Amino acid sequence: MSNELLKQAVDYFGNQKKAADALGITQPTLNHSLSTGVVSAEVALRIQKATGGKFKAVDLRPSLKRDFVSISVA
């Protein structure tokens, strides 16, 4: 995932606290994702939903593409 993309998603909400509140997570959890560049699949999906699709979960968590392909092939 592009850490820059997650930063853009946070900016969409205004700041880390507002983003965390909108996503139903804590600010330290969000800060950790920003620091590591890793966002969980659940949070990526929450970001997509909360932003009306402006930020796609598969862009925030590229492994979702692979996971969905595996599911659809099975």
N, C-alpha and C. Protein backbone atom coordinates (compact mmCIF):
# COMPACT_ATOMS: atom_id res chain seq x y z
N MET A 1 0.84 -1.17 0.00
CA MET A 1 0.00 0.00 0.00
C MET A 1 0.88 1.23 0.00
N SER A 2 0.41 2.22 -0.66
CA SER A 2 1.10 3.50 -0.65
C SER A 2 0.77 4.23 0.64
N ASN A 3 1.82 4.52 1.41
CA ASN A 3 1.61 5.28 2.64
C ASN A 3 1.02 6.65 2.31
N GLU A 4 1.37 7.18 1.15
CA GLU A 4 0.84 8.47 0.72
C GLU A 4 -0.67 8.40 0.54
N LEU A 5 -1.16 7.30 0.04
CA LEU A 5 -2.61 7.15 -0.15
C LEU A 5 -3.34 7.15 1.19
N LEU A 6 -2.78 6.49 2.18
CA LEU A 6 -3.40 6.50 3.50
C LEU A 6 -3.36 7.91 4.09
N LYS A 7 -2.27 8.63 3.89
CA LYS A 7 -2.19 10.01 4.35
C LYS A 7 -3.27 10.87 3.68
N GLN A 8 -3.50 10.64 2.41
CA GLN A 8 -4.54 11.37 1.70
C GLN A 8 -5.92 11.05 2.27
N ALA A 9 -6.13 9.78 2.62
CA ALA A 9 -7.41 9.39 3.21
C ALA A 9 -7.60 10.09 4.56
N VAL A 10 -6.55 10.18 5.35
CA VAL A 10 -6.64 10.88 6.64
C VAL A 10 -6.96 12.35 6.40
N ASP A 11 -6.28 12.95 5.45
CA ASP A 11 -6.54 14.36 5.13
C ASP A 11 -7.98 14.58 4.68
N TYR A 12 -8.57 13.60 4.03
CA TYR A 12 -9.96 13.68 3.59
C TYR A 12 -10.88 13.97 4.79
N PHE A 13 -10.55 13.37 5.94
CA PHE A 13 -11.36 13.55 7.15
C PHE A 13 -10.96 14.78 7.94
N GLY A 14 -9.76 15.29 7.71
CA GLY A 14 -9.30 16.49 8.40
C GLY A 14 -8.07 16.27 9.24
N ASN A 15 -8.07 15.22 10.05
CA ASN A 15 -6.90 14.89 10.86
C ASN A 15 -7.04 13.45 11.34
N GLN A 16 -6.01 12.96 12.05
CA GLN A 16 -6.03 11.56 12.48
C GLN A 16 -7.19 11.26 13.43
N LYS A 17 -7.47 12.15 14.35
CA LYS A 17 -8.55 11.90 15.32
C LYS A 17 -9.91 11.81 14.62
N LYS A 18 -10.18 12.74 13.72
CA LYS A 18 -11.45 12.71 12.98
C LYS A 18 -11.54 11.47 12.10
N ALA A 19 -10.44 11.10 11.47
CA ALA A 19 -10.43 9.91 10.62
C ALA A 19 -10.68 8.66 11.46
N ALA A 20 -9.97 8.56 12.58
CA ALA A 20 -10.14 7.39 13.45
C ALA A 20 -11.58 7.29 13.94
N ASP A 21 -12.16 8.40 14.35
CA ASP A 21 -13.55 8.40 14.81
C ASP A 21 -14.49 7.95 13.70
N ALA A 22 -14.28 8.46 12.50
CA ALA A 22 -15.15 8.10 11.37
C ALA A 22 -15.02 6.62 11.01
N LEU A 23 -13.86 6.06 11.28
CA LEU A 23 -13.61 4.66 10.92
C LEU A 23 -13.88 3.69 12.05
N GLY A 24 -14.17 4.22 13.23
CA GLY A 24 -14.45 3.35 14.37
C GLY A 24 -13.21 2.67 14.91
N ILE A 25 -12.06 3.34 14.81
CA ILE A 25 -10.81 2.81 15.36
C ILE A 25 -10.19 3.89 16.24
N THR A 26 -9.13 3.54 16.95
CA THR A 26 -8.47 4.54 17.79
C THR A 26 -7.43 5.30 16.98
N GLN A 27 -7.12 6.50 17.45
CA GLN A 27 -6.10 7.30 16.78
C GLN A 27 -4.74 6.61 16.82
N PRO A 28 -4.35 5.96 17.94
CA PRO A 28 -3.07 5.25 17.93
C PRO A 28 -3.02 4.11 16.90
N THR A 29 -4.14 3.44 16.68
CA THR A 29 -4.19 2.39 15.66
C THR A 29 -3.95 2.99 14.29
N LEU A 30 -4.58 4.11 14.01
CA LEU A 30 -4.41 4.78 12.73
C LEU A 30 -2.97 5.28 12.59
N ASN A 31 -2.42 5.84 13.65
CA ASN A 31 -1.05 6.31 13.62
C ASN A 31 -0.08 5.17 13.33
N HIS A 32 -0.35 4.02 13.91
CA HIS A 32 0.49 2.83 13.66
C HIS A 32 0.44 2.45 12.18
N SER A 33 -0.74 2.47 11.60
CA SER A 33 -0.87 2.16 10.17
C SER A 33 -0.09 3.16 9.33
N LEU A 34 -0.15 4.41 9.70
CA LEU A 34 0.60 5.44 8.97
C LEU A 34 2.10 5.22 9.12
N SER A 35 2.53 4.81 10.29
CA SER A 35 3.96 4.60 10.55
C SER A 35 4.50 3.38 9.82
N THR A 36 3.70 2.33 9.77
CA THR A 36 4.16 1.07 9.17
C THR A 36 3.82 0.95 7.69
N GLY A 37 2.82 1.71 7.26
CA GLY A 37 2.37 1.60 5.88
C GLY A 37 1.48 0.39 5.65
N VAL A 38 1.00 -0.20 6.75
CA VAL A 38 0.15 -1.39 6.66
C VAL A 38 -1.21 -1.08 7.26
N VAL A 39 -2.25 -1.33 6.49
CA VAL A 39 -3.61 -1.14 6.97
C VAL A 39 -4.34 -2.48 6.85
N SER A 40 -5.13 -2.81 7.84
CA SER A 40 -5.85 -4.09 7.80
C SER A 40 -6.90 -4.05 6.69
N ALA A 41 -7.30 -5.22 6.26
CA ALA A 41 -8.34 -5.32 5.24
C ALA A 41 -9.63 -4.68 5.75
N GLU A 42 -9.94 -4.90 7.01
CA GLU A 42 -11.17 -4.34 7.58
C GLU A 42 -11.15 -2.81 7.55
N VAL A 43 -10.03 -2.23 7.95
CA VAL A 43 -9.93 -0.77 7.96
C VAL A 43 -9.94 -0.24 6.53
N ALA A 44 -9.29 -0.92 5.61
CA ALA A 44 -9.31 -0.50 4.21
C ALA A 44 -10.74 -0.46 3.68
N LEU A 45 -11.52 -1.46 4.02
CA LEU A 45 -12.92 -1.49 3.59
C LEU A 45 -13.73 -0.39 4.27
N ARG A 46 -13.42 -0.10 5.53
CA ARG A 46 -14.11 0.99 6.23
C ARG A 46 -13.79 2.34 5.59
N ILE A 47 -12.53 2.51 5.18
CA ILE A 47 -12.13 3.76 4.52
C ILE A 47 -12.89 3.91 3.21
N GLN A 48 -12.98 2.83 2.44
CA GLN A 48 -13.70 2.90 1.17
C GLN A 48 -15.15 3.30 1.40
N LYS A 49 -15.78 2.68 2.38
CA LYS A 49 -17.19 2.98 2.65
C LYS A 49 -17.37 4.40 3.17
N ALA A 50 -16.52 4.82 4.11
CA ALA A 50 -16.66 6.14 4.73
C ALA A 50 -16.37 7.29 3.76
N THR A 51 -15.60 7.00 2.71
CA THR A 51 -15.27 8.05 1.74
C THR A 51 -16.11 7.94 0.48
N GLY A 52 -17.10 7.08 0.51
CA GLY A 52 -17.96 6.91 -0.66
C GLY A 52 -17.21 6.40 -1.88
N GLY A 53 -16.15 5.64 -1.62
CA GLY A 53 -15.39 5.03 -2.72
C GLY A 53 -14.26 5.90 -3.26
N LYS A 54 -14.07 7.07 -2.68
CA LYS A 54 -12.97 7.93 -3.14
C LYS A 54 -11.63 7.21 -2.99
N PHE A 55 -11.48 6.47 -1.91
CA PHE A 55 -10.28 5.66 -1.67
C PHE A 55 -10.69 4.20 -1.70
N LYS A 56 -10.15 3.46 -2.63
CA LYS A 56 -10.53 2.06 -2.82
C LYS A 56 -9.77 1.14 -1.86
N ALA A 57 -10.48 0.20 -1.29
CA ALA A 57 -9.86 -0.75 -0.37
C ALA A 57 -8.72 -1.52 -1.03
N VAL A 58 -8.87 -1.90 -2.27
CA VAL A 58 -7.82 -2.67 -2.95
C VAL A 58 -6.57 -1.84 -3.20
N ASP A 59 -6.70 -0.52 -3.24
CA ASP A 59 -5.52 0.34 -3.37
C ASP A 59 -4.82 0.51 -2.03
N LEU A 60 -5.61 0.54 -0.96
CA LEU A 60 -5.05 0.67 0.38
C LEU A 60 -4.48 -0.65 0.88
N ARG A 61 -5.05 -1.74 0.44
CA ARG A 61 -4.62 -3.09 0.86
C ARG A 61 -4.61 -3.98 -0.38
N PRO A 62 -3.54 -3.91 -1.18
CA PRO A 62 -3.48 -4.63 -2.45
C PRO A 62 -3.71 -6.14 -2.35
N SER A 63 -3.45 -6.74 -1.20
CA SER A 63 -3.68 -8.18 -1.06
C SER A 63 -5.16 -8.53 -1.21
N LEU A 64 -6.04 -7.55 -1.05
CA LEU A 64 -7.47 -7.81 -1.24
C LEU A 64 -7.76 -8.27 -2.66
N LYS A 65 -7.03 -7.73 -3.63
CA LYS A 65 -7.20 -8.17 -5.02
C LYS A 65 -6.94 -9.66 -5.14
N ARG A 66 -5.82 -10.08 -4.60
CA ARG A 66 -5.45 -11.49 -4.65
C ARG A 66 -6.47 -12.34 -3.90
N ASP A 67 -6.90 -11.87 -2.74
CA ASP A 67 -7.85 -12.62 -1.93
C ASP A 67 -9.18 -12.79 -2.65
N PHE A 68 -9.67 -11.72 -3.29
CA PHE A 68 -10.94 -11.80 -4.00
C PHE A 68 -10.84 -12.68 -5.24
N VAL A 69 -9.70 -12.65 -5.91
CA VAL A 69 -9.50 -13.52 -7.07
C VAL A 69 -9.52 -14.96 -6.62
N SER A 70 -8.86 -15.25 -5.50
CA SER A 70 -8.84 -16.62 -4.97
C SER A 70 -10.24 -17.10 -4.62
N ILE A 71 -11.04 -16.23 -4.03
CA ILE A 71 -12.40 -16.59 -3.65
C ILE A 71 -13.25 -16.84 -4.88
N SER A 72 -13.12 -16.00 -5.91
CA SER A 72 -13.97 -16.14 -7.08
C SER A 72 -13.58 -17.34 -7.93
N VAL A 73 -12.33 -17.79 -7.82
CA VAL A 73 -11.88 -18.95 -8.59
C VAL A 73 -12.29 -20.24 -7.91
N ALA A 74 -12.38 -20.22 -6.60
CA ALA A 74 -12.67 -21.43 -5.83
C ALA A 74 -14.04 -21.99 -6.09
